[in-house]
Amino acid sequence: MQRLWILLVMVCLVGTGNAEVPRKKLIELGWDIPTTQYLREHWEEMERTTPFDGVIYTLNPAPGRKGADSQGLFSKEHPWDKNEYAKCLEDMKACRFTKFTDNFIRVNFHPGDTDWDDDAGWKVILDKVSICAWIAKQSGSKGLCLDFESYGYPMFRYSADSGRTFAEMKSLAKKRGAELLQTVAKEFPDATLLALWLNSINRQAGKAVQPDLVLQTSEYGLLPAFINGMLSVLPKEMVLVDGCEKGYMMNSPSAFQTAALDMVLWTGTCAKLVEPEYRQTYRSQVQCGFGVYLDMYTNDEGTLYYRVPEGREKTRLDRFMANLGSAVASADQYVWVYGEKNRWWNVKKDNPKMKTWEAALPGITVRMNALRDPFTFAKQKRESLKSDPAAKNLLKNPDFSQKNPNADLPAEWAVWQNEKTSHGTFHWKENRAVFREMEEGCFIQGIPVHPGEVYLLYAKGKATGKATLHLTASWKTAEDKWTRWDASTRLDLDSSGTEIFGLVTVPEEAGRMIVLPSISGQGADDTGEYEKVEVYLLN
């Protein structure tokens, strides 16, 4: 299988795009979860050395004291003192994040030992939630990370021993869900609540004719009612994310795509668990995300959580990047990456088995950075290549310094225009490739390539009026026949209006990349020209 680095350009192409569509973001979670104190001391190094847009962190002003950690918040025991947690807020305000734009406070529904009808107990819990929301808002964090997993008492499992019917317990769960959401909204009405799962944990129940018959015997059977309570009072400014932890086991693009459809469609199995009056809110304010489990790509062969390379992939890192790329392609915005045995930071030197994830999967940082923000990666990579004497621009006459001796064109470049709609002309002038009155046309040059290779493309030019410049990579076979039109990639000018950056991966069947510095929409008085075009092999 072709490496899914192609998703760098399928998902996050360089260009202006629709400002309302959020960029995909990678969020870190793992056994190396940082406290606010750790973030305060190490945030600069963490941003510099890891490939994330944000981190899930914990609140704990008194390490070692029972009940002080937000990862054990769901208990009526050990009430919190808001003044004491102000230390955590001070820590976060001391950080000057530039890369970690989307940070979340982890709130675990653990130990979950408070009865659903215990009003006094739930008041203690909600007071703690209020403190978390307050710190998230005041610190500039994105919101809360809700982990519904039953690490202790299975609070979302219905039991007839409660003395209540399933319908009665659903009503209580819905009430508490509404109370929790209202508590968060009071402090942070425009929060993002990234749940490690919402209704995706009960996808099978959503397939049933009578979901309640499945839910009343399920580990998380009361969770849909709790979520309905949240939806019933959800402010229009707030976003919920179903983080679909089941993504751990997904191992193909179709698996992620199917799960995404289940989460977001009106007719999806997750939406069927939403009460009809809240489905409009669900459809407009709930995003689908995914969790991806790093250890599956370093665990010993033969274990349940184990992944191997497939097809043309050479390493387990290739398989990880393929699945991470599929998750990013299918998610609305967030993909969280979970790791246990190794660390992104705070590696314990007294544990010889513990490594950094970069040491465990060499190259992971660069490749994840390229996936999360291909434009920035391409721009930074080109800067480093400028000072690398071994870096080679694979194009001939890339700066248009040589003129074709037989025509008014740059040497080594062919030309094309759509003769049905375009009647412009091509020229060489003072080291420039120039268009005049070109409705749709391009200069052309091809280079030999191999499937799976990753290339950095760059162009510099300018246009005025209605004319638009863009750089396209298309594909031919080694025998010079056009192929894989679905994998053609168009890269547009950046915000400066003069430069184009991008990454492309050679698809299966391709043996030549056709590089097309192009223009469209040029009127009689509009100018359009290219100053240089560059192509570098990255792997």
Protein backbone atom coordinates (compact mmCIF):
# COMPACT_ATOMS: atom_id res chain seq x y z
CA MET A 1 0.00 0.00 0.00
CA GLN A 2 1.25 3.44 -0.87
CA ARG A 3 2.34 5.40 2.15
CA LEU A 4 -0.44 7.65 3.24
CA TRP A 5 1.80 10.67 3.28
CA ILE A 6 -0.46 11.49 0.34
CA LEU A 7 -2.94 12.63 2.98
CA LEU A 8 -0.68 15.60 3.61
CA VAL A 9 -1.97 17.01 0.39
CA MET A 10 -5.39 15.38 0.30
CA VAL A 11 -6.38 16.75 3.69
CA CYS A 12 -4.44 19.94 4.39
CA LEU A 13 -3.41 21.43 1.05
CA VAL A 14 -1.63 24.75 1.06
CA GLY A 15 -4.02 27.50 -0.01
CA THR A 16 -6.56 30.00 1.11
CA GLY A 17 -9.40 27.48 1.57
CA ASN A 18 -12.56 28.05 3.56
CA ALA A 19 -11.82 29.94 6.77
CA GLU A 20 -14.72 28.18 8.47
CA VAL A 21 -13.14 24.76 8.06
CA PRO A 22 -10.74 24.15 10.98
CA ARG A 23 -7.28 22.80 10.39
CA LYS A 24 -6.83 19.25 11.61
CA LYS A 25 -5.00 19.09 14.94
CA LEU A 26 -3.01 16.44 16.82
CA ILE A 27 -3.42 16.33 20.60
CA GLU A 28 -1.12 14.40 22.97
CA LEU A 29 -2.31 12.13 25.78
CA GLY A 30 -0.43 9.40 27.57
CA TRP A 31 1.19 8.09 30.70
CA ASP A 32 3.46 11.13 30.47
CA ILE A 33 0.49 13.44 31.14
CA PRO A 34 1.94 16.72 32.43
CA THR A 35 0.84 18.70 35.44
CA THR A 36 0.55 22.46 35.22
CA GLN A 37 3.80 22.69 37.18
CA TYR A 38 5.59 20.57 34.58
CA LEU A 39 4.16 22.64 31.74
CA ARG A 40 5.36 25.83 33.39
CA GLU A 41 8.92 24.50 33.59
CA HIS A 42 9.13 22.74 30.22
CA TRP A 43 6.57 24.17 27.78
CA GLU A 44 9.18 25.66 25.44
CA GLU A 45 11.05 22.38 25.04
CA MET A 46 7.79 20.46 24.68
CA GLU A 47 6.61 22.69 21.84
CA ARG A 48 9.99 22.63 20.13
CA THR A 49 10.57 18.86 20.19
CA THR A 50 7.11 17.30 19.73
CA PRO A 51 4.63 17.22 16.81
CA PHE A 52 1.44 18.40 18.51
CA ASP A 53 -1.05 21.25 18.44
CA GLY A 54 -1.89 20.77 22.09
CA VAL A 55 -1.66 18.58 25.14
CA ILE A 56 -4.11 17.08 27.60
CA TYR A 57 -2.92 17.97 31.09
CA THR A 58 -4.01 17.37 34.66
CA LEU A 59 -4.75 19.69 37.56
CA ASN A 60 -3.03 18.76 40.81
CA PRO A 61 -1.80 21.47 43.18
CA ALA A 62 -0.86 18.88 45.82
CA PRO A 63 0.81 15.82 44.22
CA GLY A 64 0.47 12.75 46.38
CA ARG A 65 -2.63 13.93 48.19
CA LYS A 66 -5.65 11.73 47.58
CA GLY A 67 -8.46 13.35 45.64
CA ALA A 68 -6.48 16.38 44.49
CA ASP A 69 -6.00 15.29 40.87
CA SER A 70 -8.53 16.06 38.14
CA GLN A 71 -8.01 12.49 36.93
CA GLY A 72 -9.86 11.34 40.05
CA LEU A 73 -12.43 14.08 40.18
CA PHE A 74 -15.66 12.05 40.22
CA SER A 75 -16.06 11.44 43.91
CA LYS A 76 -17.99 13.29 46.61
CA GLU A 77 -14.97 12.82 48.86
CA HIS A 78 -12.14 15.36 49.11
CA PRO A 79 -13.80 18.66 48.13
CA TRP A 80 -11.49 21.14 46.41
CA ASP A 81 -10.51 24.62 47.54
CA LYS A 82 -10.65 26.98 44.56
CA ASN A 83 -8.01 29.20 46.10
CA GLU A 84 -5.56 26.32 46.21
CA TYR A 85 -6.14 25.55 42.52
CA ALA A 86 -5.27 29.13 41.64
CA LYS A 87 -1.67 27.84 41.68
CA CYS A 88 -2.50 25.76 38.64
CA LEU A 89 -3.91 28.81 36.85
CA GLU A 90 -0.74 30.76 37.63
CA ASP A 91 1.31 27.96 36.12
CA MET A 92 -0.67 27.99 32.89
CA LYS A 93 -0.59 31.78 32.58
CA ALA A 94 3.19 31.61 32.88
CA CYS A 95 3.33 29.53 29.68
CA ARG A 96 3.55 31.47 26.43
CA PHE A 97 2.33 28.84 24.03
CA THR A 98 2.74 29.42 20.31
CA LYS A 99 2.39 25.87 18.96
CA PHE A 100 0.23 24.28 21.68
CA THR A 101 -2.87 26.28 20.79
CA ASP A 102 -5.41 23.62 21.84
CA ASN A 103 -4.82 22.37 25.39
CA PHE A 104 -7.38 20.45 27.48
CA ILE A 105 -7.74 19.65 31.18
CA ARG A 106 -8.32 15.95 31.70
CA VAL A 107 -11.45 15.20 33.73
CA ASN A 108 -11.84 11.48 34.48
CA PHE A 109 -15.18 10.05 35.57
CA HIS A 110 -13.25 8.20 38.26
CA PRO A 111 -13.73 6.72 40.79
CA GLY A 112 -17.43 7.12 39.91
CA ASP A 113 -18.59 5.97 43.33
CA THR A 114 -21.24 8.65 43.88
CA ASP A 115 -24.86 7.54 43.44
CA TRP A 116 -26.84 9.19 40.67
CA ASP A 117 -29.47 10.40 43.15
CA ASP A 118 -26.98 11.81 45.69
CA ASP A 119 -27.60 15.55 45.27
CA ALA A 120 -25.06 16.54 47.92
CA GLY A 121 -22.42 14.28 46.40
CA TRP A 122 -23.02 15.61 42.90
CA LYS A 123 -22.73 19.17 44.18
CA VAL A 124 -19.19 18.39 45.37
CA ILE A 125 -18.36 16.86 41.98
CA LEU A 126 -19.81 19.78 40.05
CA ASP A 127 -17.89 22.25 42.21
CA LYS A 128 -14.73 20.47 41.08
CA VAL A 129 -15.85 20.58 37.45
CA SER A 130 -16.50 24.30 37.85
CA ILE A 131 -12.91 24.85 39.00
CA CYS A 132 -11.61 22.92 35.99
CA ALA A 133 -13.74 24.99 33.60
CA TRP A 134 -12.64 28.21 35.32
CA ILE A 135 -8.96 27.36 34.94
CA ALA A 136 -9.43 26.25 31.33
CA LYS A 137 -11.12 29.52 30.40
CA GLN A 138 -8.83 31.85 32.31
CA SER A 139 -5.66 30.09 31.16
CA GLY A 140 -6.53 30.22 27.47
CA SER A 141 -6.93 26.46 27.19
CA LYS A 142 -9.37 25.11 24.64
CA GLY A 143 -11.56 23.29 27.13
CA LEU A 144 -11.89 20.01 29.00
CA CYS A 145 -11.04 16.45 28.02
CA LEU A 146 -13.79 14.15 29.32
CA ASP A 147 -12.80 10.54 29.93
CA PHE A 148 -15.89 8.44 30.70
CA GLU A 149 -13.94 5.19 31.11
CA SER A 150 -14.75 3.21 34.26
CA TYR A 151 -11.32 2.87 35.87
CA GLY A 152 -13.11 2.34 39.17
CA TYR A 153 -16.83 1.76 39.76
CA PRO A 154 -18.76 1.28 36.47
CA MET A 155 -21.03 4.28 36.98
CA PHE A 156 -22.60 4.11 33.51
CA ARG A 157 -23.64 0.44 33.76
CA TYR A 158 -27.27 -0.12 34.68
CA SER A 159 -27.98 -2.51 37.52
CA ALA A 160 -31.39 -3.73 38.57
CA ASP A 161 -29.98 -3.77 42.09
CA SER A 162 -30.43 -0.01 42.09
CA GLY A 163 -34.12 -0.58 42.70
CA ARG A 164 -34.96 1.56 39.65
CA THR A 165 -36.03 0.72 36.16
CA PHE A 166 -33.68 1.41 33.26
CA ALA A 167 -35.95 4.29 32.20
CA GLU A 168 -35.71 5.83 35.67
CA MET A 169 -31.92 5.56 35.67
CA LYS A 170 -31.76 7.12 32.23
CA SER A 171 -33.74 10.08 33.55
CA LEU A 172 -31.28 10.54 36.41
CA ALA A 173 -28.28 10.26 34.09
CA LYS A 174 -29.81 12.82 31.74
CA LYS A 175 -30.34 15.21 34.65
CA ARG A 176 -26.70 14.91 35.73
CA GLY A 177 -25.46 15.37 32.18
CA ALA A 178 -27.39 18.62 31.93
CA GLU A 179 -26.04 19.78 35.29
CA LEU A 180 -22.46 19.06 34.28
CA LEU A 181 -22.82 20.92 31.00
CA GLN A 182 -24.45 23.90 32.70
CA THR A 183 -21.63 23.99 35.24
CA VAL A 184 -19.03 24.14 32.49
CA ALA A 185 -21.01 26.68 30.49
CA LYS A 186 -21.28 29.05 33.43
CA GLU A 187 -17.49 29.43 33.49
CA PHE A 188 -16.66 28.70 29.85
CA PRO A 189 -19.67 29.00 27.49
CA ASP A 190 -17.56 28.65 24.32
CA ALA A 191 -15.49 25.69 25.51
CA THR A 192 -14.60 22.68 23.40
CA LEU A 193 -15.26 19.45 25.27
CA LEU A 194 -13.05 16.74 23.80
CA ALA A 195 -14.46 13.44 25.02
CA LEU A 196 -12.37 10.32 24.50
CA TRP A 197 -15.67 8.90 23.38
CA LEU A 198 -19.32 9.90 23.26
CA ASN A 199 -21.87 7.69 21.53
CA SER A 200 -19.17 5.99 19.48
CA ILE A 201 -18.65 3.61 22.41
CA ASN A 202 -22.21 2.37 21.85
CA ARG A 203 -22.22 2.11 18.05
CA GLN A 204 -23.51 -1.46 18.19
CA ALA A 205 -26.52 -0.41 20.24
CA GLY A 206 -27.31 2.21 17.60
CA LYS A 207 -27.64 -0.57 15.04
CA ALA A 208 -30.35 -2.31 17.03
CA VAL A 209 -34.07 -1.88 16.35
CA GLN A 210 -34.51 -1.26 20.10
CA PRO A 211 -31.23 0.27 21.36
CA ASP A 212 -32.34 0.21 25.00
CA LEU A 213 -32.42 -3.58 24.98
CA VAL A 214 -28.70 -3.49 24.23
CA LEU A 215 -27.85 -0.51 26.43
CA GLN A 216 -29.39 -1.90 29.60
CA THR A 217 -26.80 -4.68 29.63
CA SER A 218 -23.86 -2.60 28.32
CA GLU A 219 -20.91 -1.22 30.28
CA TYR A 220 -21.80 2.32 29.18
CA GLY A 221 -25.54 1.88 28.76
CA LEU A 222 -26.43 5.06 30.67
CA LEU A 223 -23.98 7.25 28.77
CA PRO A 224 -26.32 8.13 25.86
CA ALA A 225 -28.83 9.50 28.39
CA PHE A 226 -26.06 11.53 30.05
CA ILE A 227 -25.08 12.90 26.62
CA ASN A 228 -28.71 13.75 25.85
CA GLY A 229 -28.72 15.78 29.04
CA MET A 230 -25.62 17.64 27.86
CA LEU A 231 -27.19 18.30 24.45
CA SER A 232 -30.39 19.58 26.05
CA VAL A 233 -28.59 22.63 27.48
CA LEU A 234 -25.63 22.97 25.10
CA PRO A 235 -24.87 26.66 24.35
CA LYS A 236 -24.61 27.48 20.66
CA GLU A 237 -20.98 28.56 21.15
CA MET A 238 -19.86 25.22 22.61
CA VAL A 239 -18.51 22.23 20.69
CA LEU A 240 -18.50 18.58 21.73
CA VAL A 241 -16.04 16.14 20.16
CA ASP A 242 -16.60 12.40 20.05
CA GLY A 243 -12.97 11.26 20.24
CA CYS A 244 -13.80 7.64 19.29
CA GLU A 245 -11.23 5.70 21.28
CA LYS A 246 -12.22 2.69 19.16
CA GLY A 247 -9.90 4.25 16.60
CA TYR A 248 -7.14 2.31 18.38
CA MET A 249 -8.21 -0.85 16.56
CA MET A 250 -8.93 0.67 13.14
CA ASN A 251 -6.45 -0.32 10.47
CA SER A 252 -7.66 1.04 7.13
CA PRO A 253 -9.04 4.23 5.60
CA SER A 254 -12.46 2.61 5.22
CA ALA A 255 -12.62 1.75 8.93
CA PHE A 256 -12.11 5.37 9.93
CA GLN A 257 -14.45 6.66 7.25
CA THR A 258 -17.23 4.29 8.28
CA ALA A 259 -16.88 5.29 11.93
CA ALA A 260 -16.96 8.97 10.98
CA LEU A 261 -20.19 8.48 9.06
CA ASP A 262 -21.69 6.64 12.01
CA MET A 263 -20.83 9.61 14.22
CA VAL A 264 -21.94 12.52 12.05
CA LEU A 265 -24.77 11.41 9.75
CA TRP A 266 -28.40 11.96 10.68
CA THR A 267 -28.90 8.27 10.00
CA GLY A 268 -25.67 7.16 11.66
CA THR A 269 -25.73 4.71 14.54
CA CYS A 270 -24.50 7.34 17.00
CA ALA A 271 -27.21 9.85 16.08
CA LYS A 272 -29.86 7.17 16.62
CA LEU A 273 -28.94 7.22 20.31
CA VAL A 274 -29.78 10.93 20.49
CA GLU A 275 -33.32 11.94 21.40
CA PRO A 276 -35.07 13.44 18.33
CA GLU A 277 -35.43 16.93 19.81
CA TYR A 278 -31.63 17.20 20.24
CA ARG A 279 -30.54 15.81 16.88
CA GLN A 280 -30.27 19.24 15.25
CA THR A 281 -27.96 20.33 18.05
CA TYR A 282 -26.04 17.05 17.77
CA ARG A 283 -25.60 17.44 14.03
CA SER A 284 -24.40 21.04 14.21
CA GLN A 285 -22.29 21.02 17.40
CA VAL A 286 -20.79 17.54 17.74
CA GLN A 287 -17.61 16.75 15.84
CA CYS A 288 -16.08 13.37 15.13
CA GLY A 289 -12.49 12.74 16.18
CA PHE A 290 -10.31 9.69 16.72
CA GLY A 291 -7.81 8.21 19.13
CA VAL A 292 -4.71 6.47 17.78
CA TYR A 293 -2.66 4.15 20.03
CA LEU A 294 1.11 4.48 19.59
CA ASP A 295 2.09 1.33 21.48
CA MET A 296 0.49 -0.84 18.79
CA TYR A 297 3.43 0.08 16.58
CA THR A 298 6.14 -0.83 19.11
CA ASN A 299 4.61 -3.77 21.01
CA ASP A 300 5.97 -7.26 20.52
CA GLU A 301 4.64 -9.27 17.62
CA GLY A 302 1.73 -11.54 18.45
CA THR A 303 0.11 -9.38 21.10
CA LEU A 304 -3.45 -8.10 20.70
CA TYR A 305 -2.30 -4.52 20.29
CA TYR A 306 0.14 -5.00 17.43
CA ARG A 307 0.44 -3.57 13.93
CA VAL A 308 2.82 -4.54 11.12
CA PRO A 309 3.72 -2.87 7.82
CA GLU A 310 1.45 -3.64 4.88
CA GLY A 311 1.99 -3.64 1.14
CA ARG A 312 4.86 -1.36 0.13
CA GLU A 313 5.34 -0.05 3.66
CA LYS A 314 8.85 -0.72 4.95
CA THR A 315 8.46 -0.05 8.66
CA ARG A 316 5.92 -0.02 11.47
CA LEU A 317 6.27 3.75 11.44
CA ASP A 318 4.88 3.66 7.90
CA ARG A 319 1.85 1.72 9.20
CA PHE A 320 1.37 4.17 12.05
CA MET A 321 1.52 7.14 9.68
CA ALA A 322 -0.94 5.42 7.32
CA ASN A 323 -3.48 4.96 10.12
CA LEU A 324 -2.82 8.39 11.61
CA GLY A 325 -3.31 9.89 8.16
CA SER A 326 -6.60 8.02 7.78
CA ALA A 327 -7.73 9.30 11.19
CA VAL A 328 -6.82 12.88 10.27
CA ALA A 329 -8.59 12.60 6.92
CA SER A 330 -11.80 11.33 8.53
CA ALA A 331 -11.87 13.55 11.64
CA ASP A 332 -13.60 16.90 11.70
CA GLN A 333 -10.72 18.51 13.59
CA TYR A 334 -9.13 16.55 16.45
CA VAL A 335 -7.07 13.37 16.58
CA TRP A 336 -5.54 12.46 19.92
CA VAL A 337 -2.46 10.28 20.05
CA TYR A 338 -2.13 8.03 23.09
CA GLY A 339 1.04 6.37 24.35
CA GLU A 340 1.98 4.33 27.40
CA LYS A 341 5.36 2.60 27.45
CA ASN A 342 7.44 5.41 26.01
CA ARG A 343 7.41 9.18 26.48
CA TRP A 344 7.37 12.42 24.53
CA TRP A 345 8.89 14.13 27.58
CA ASN A 346 9.98 13.36 31.14
CA VAL A 347 11.68 10.06 30.29
CA LYS A 348 12.64 8.19 33.47
CA LYS A 349 16.39 7.64 33.26
CA ASP A 350 16.25 4.85 35.84
CA ASN A 351 14.02 2.79 33.51
CA PRO A 352 16.20 1.35 30.70
CA LYS A 353 13.13 0.06 28.85
CA MET A 354 11.59 3.53 28.56
CA LYS A 355 12.51 5.61 25.52
CA THR A 356 11.36 8.74 23.87
CA TRP A 357 8.86 8.03 21.13
CA GLU A 358 11.36 9.48 18.68
CA ALA A 359 13.91 6.86 19.76
CA ALA A 360 11.30 4.09 19.60
CA LEU A 361 10.06 5.13 16.13
CA PRO A 362 12.85 7.19 14.50
CA GLY A 363 11.47 9.86 12.20
CA ILE A 364 8.05 10.05 13.85
CA THR A 365 8.42 13.70 14.90
CA VAL A 366 9.21 15.00 11.42
CA ARG A 367 6.50 12.95 9.77
CA MET A 368 3.82 13.93 12.28
CA ASN A 369 4.80 17.59 11.97
CA ALA A 370 4.45 17.28 8.21
CA LEU A 371 0.99 15.75 8.60
CA ARG A 372 -0.33 18.22 11.16
CA ASP A 373 0.78 21.37 9.30
CA PRO A 374 2.19 20.67 5.84
CA PHE A 375 2.49 24.33 4.87
CA THR A 376 4.60 25.29 7.88
CA PHE A 377 6.63 22.10 7.55
CA ALA A 378 7.30 22.74 3.86
CA LYS A 379 8.29 26.35 4.52
CA GLN A 380 10.67 25.41 7.33
CA LYS A 381 12.08 22.49 5.33
CA ARG A 382 12.87 24.73 2.39
CA GLU A 383 14.73 27.12 4.69
CA SER A 384 16.91 24.26 5.90
CA LEU A 385 17.50 23.04 2.33
CA LYS A 386 18.75 26.47 1.26
CA SER A 387 21.80 25.98 3.49
CA ASP A 388 22.29 22.30 2.64
CA PRO A 389 24.95 21.87 -0.07
CA ALA A 390 23.63 18.35 -0.81
CA ALA A 391 20.10 19.58 -1.54
CA LYS A 392 19.34 19.38 -5.26
CA ASN A 393 16.56 21.12 -7.16
CA LEU A 394 15.50 18.45 -9.64
CA LEU A 395 14.15 20.83 -12.26
CA LYS A 396 16.15 22.11 -15.21
CA ASN A 397 16.40 25.88 -15.63
CA PRO A 398 14.29 26.38 -12.49
CA ASP A 399 15.01 30.12 -12.27
CA PHE A 400 14.24 30.75 -15.96
CA SER A 401 17.68 32.26 -16.46
CA GLN A 402 18.15 30.48 -19.79
CA LYS A 403 16.15 31.38 -22.89
CA ASN A 404 15.09 28.87 -25.50
CA PRO A 405 17.26 29.77 -28.53
CA ASN A 406 14.44 28.90 -30.93
CA ALA A 407 11.47 30.58 -29.23
CA ASP A 408 10.41 33.37 -26.89
CA LEU A 409 10.25 30.85 -24.01
CA PRO A 410 12.42 29.73 -21.09
CA ALA A 411 14.67 26.79 -21.99
CA GLU A 412 13.64 23.26 -20.83
CA TRP A 413 9.99 24.27 -20.37
CA ALA A 414 7.06 23.28 -22.59
CA VAL A 415 3.71 25.09 -22.53
CA TRP A 416 -0.02 24.32 -22.67
CA GLN A 417 -3.29 26.24 -22.64
CA ASN A 418 -6.93 25.28 -22.93
CA GLU A 419 -7.52 26.26 -26.53
CA LYS A 420 -11.31 26.10 -26.10
CA THR A 421 -11.34 28.95 -23.61
CA SER A 422 -7.87 30.49 -23.63
CA HIS A 423 -6.04 32.42 -26.36
CA GLY A 424 -3.09 33.89 -24.50
CA THR A 425 0.65 33.84 -25.14
CA PHE A 426 3.76 32.60 -23.29
CA HIS A 427 7.02 34.54 -23.06
CA TRP A 428 10.51 34.69 -21.54
CA LYS A 429 11.49 38.08 -20.20
CA GLU A 430 14.37 39.02 -17.88
CA ASN A 431 14.59 35.65 -16.14
CA ARG A 432 10.84 35.25 -15.87
CA ALA A 433 8.27 32.85 -17.28
CA VAL A 434 5.52 35.24 -18.40
CA PHE A 435 1.82 34.82 -19.31
CA ARG A 436 -0.26 37.34 -21.26
CA GLU A 437 -4.07 37.27 -21.53
CA MET A 438 -4.07 33.63 -20.39
CA GLU A 439 -7.44 32.31 -19.28
CA GLU A 440 -6.05 28.87 -18.47
CA GLY A 441 -2.48 27.77 -19.14
CA CYS A 442 0.83 26.56 -17.72
CA PHE A 443 4.50 25.93 -18.28
CA ILE A 444 5.44 22.23 -18.15
CA GLN A 445 8.38 20.11 -17.07
CA GLY A 446 8.54 16.45 -16.03
CA ILE A 447 10.95 14.51 -13.82
CA PRO A 448 11.35 10.76 -13.14
CA VAL A 449 9.92 9.57 -9.80
CA HIS A 450 9.02 6.38 -7.93
CA PRO A 451 5.83 5.49 -5.98
CA GLY A 452 6.00 6.40 -2.30
CA GLU A 453 8.56 9.17 -2.69
CA VAL A 454 7.78 12.48 -1.00
CA TYR A 455 8.66 15.78 -2.69
CA LEU A 456 8.76 19.39 -1.55
CA LEU A 457 7.44 21.83 -4.16
CA TYR A 458 8.04 25.57 -4.14
CA ALA A 459 7.33 28.41 -6.54
CA LYS A 460 7.67 32.16 -6.48
CA GLY A 461 5.70 34.45 -8.74
CA LYS A 462 3.17 37.25 -8.88
CA ALA A 463 -0.08 38.14 -10.57
CA THR A 464 -2.31 41.20 -10.67
CA GLY A 465 -5.98 41.82 -11.28
CA LYS A 466 -8.12 38.72 -11.60
CA ALA A 467 -5.24 36.44 -12.51
CA THR A 468 -4.49 33.56 -10.11
CA LEU A 469 -1.28 31.56 -9.87
CA HIS A 470 -1.13 27.95 -8.71
CA LEU A 471 1.37 25.11 -8.90
CA THR A 472 0.10 21.64 -9.88
CA ALA A 473 1.75 18.23 -9.71
CA SER A 474 0.25 15.62 -12.03
CA TRP A 475 1.38 12.11 -12.90
CA LYS A 476 2.44 9.96 -15.84
CA THR A 477 3.66 6.41 -16.02
CA ALA A 478 7.30 5.65 -16.76
CA GLU A 479 6.08 5.09 -20.36
CA ASP A 480 4.84 8.70 -20.45
CA LYS A 481 1.09 7.97 -20.28
CA TRP A 482 -1.17 10.05 -18.03
CA THR A 483 -2.29 8.29 -14.85
CA ARG A 484 -3.85 8.86 -11.44
CA TRP A 485 -5.73 12.07 -12.13
CA ASP A 486 -7.33 11.57 -8.70
CA ALA A 487 -3.90 12.14 -7.13
CA SER A 488 -3.14 15.41 -8.96
CA THR A 489 -2.38 18.12 -6.46
CA ARG A 490 -2.93 21.86 -6.78
CA LEU A 491 -0.99 24.18 -4.49
CA ASP A 492 -1.98 27.84 -4.17
CA LEU A 493 -0.25 31.06 -3.16
CA ASP A 494 0.27 31.70 0.53
CA SER A 495 -0.91 34.82 2.35
CA SER A 496 2.03 36.83 0.97
CA GLY A 497 0.59 36.44 -2.52
CA THR A 498 3.97 35.55 -4.02
CA GLU A 499 5.03 32.11 -2.73
CA ILE A 500 3.69 28.56 -2.98
CA PHE A 501 4.74 25.72 -0.66
CA GLY A 502 3.56 22.13 -0.57
CA LEU A 503 4.28 18.42 -0.24
CA VAL A 504 3.27 15.64 -2.61
CA THR A 505 3.62 11.87 -2.47
CA VAL A 506 4.07 9.86 -5.66
CA PRO A 507 1.06 7.54 -6.13
CA GLU A 508 1.09 3.96 -7.34
CA GLU A 509 1.58 3.56 -11.10
CA ALA A 510 3.38 6.90 -11.48
CA GLY A 511 6.87 7.07 -12.99
CA ARG A 512 7.00 10.78 -13.81
CA MET A 513 5.87 13.91 -11.99
CA ILE A 514 4.60 16.65 -14.30
CA VAL A 515 5.23 20.03 -12.68
CA LEU A 516 2.86 22.75 -13.90
CA PRO A 517 3.37 26.39 -12.83
CA SER A 518 -0.05 27.62 -13.90
CA ILE A 519 -2.28 30.66 -14.22
CA SER A 520 -6.02 31.19 -14.64
CA GLY A 521 -8.39 34.10 -15.17
CA GLN A 522 -5.88 36.55 -16.63
CA GLY A 523 -7.46 39.55 -18.32
CA ALA A 524 -5.95 41.88 -20.91
CA ASP A 525 -4.51 44.24 -18.31
CA ASP A 526 -3.50 41.59 -15.75
CA THR A 527 0.09 40.50 -15.29
CA GLY A 528 1.27 37.02 -14.40
CA GLU A 529 4.75 35.54 -14.12
CA TYR A 530 6.94 33.02 -12.30
CA GLU A 531 10.41 33.80 -10.96
CA LYS A 532 11.46 30.30 -9.90
CA VAL A 533 10.15 26.77 -9.30
CA GLU A 534 11.81 24.16 -7.07
CA VAL A 535 11.33 20.43 -6.49
CA TYR A 536 13.26 18.48 -3.84
CA LEU A 537 13.15 14.79 -2.95
CA LEU A 538 12.68 14.36 0.82
CA ASN A 539 13.05 10.61 1.26
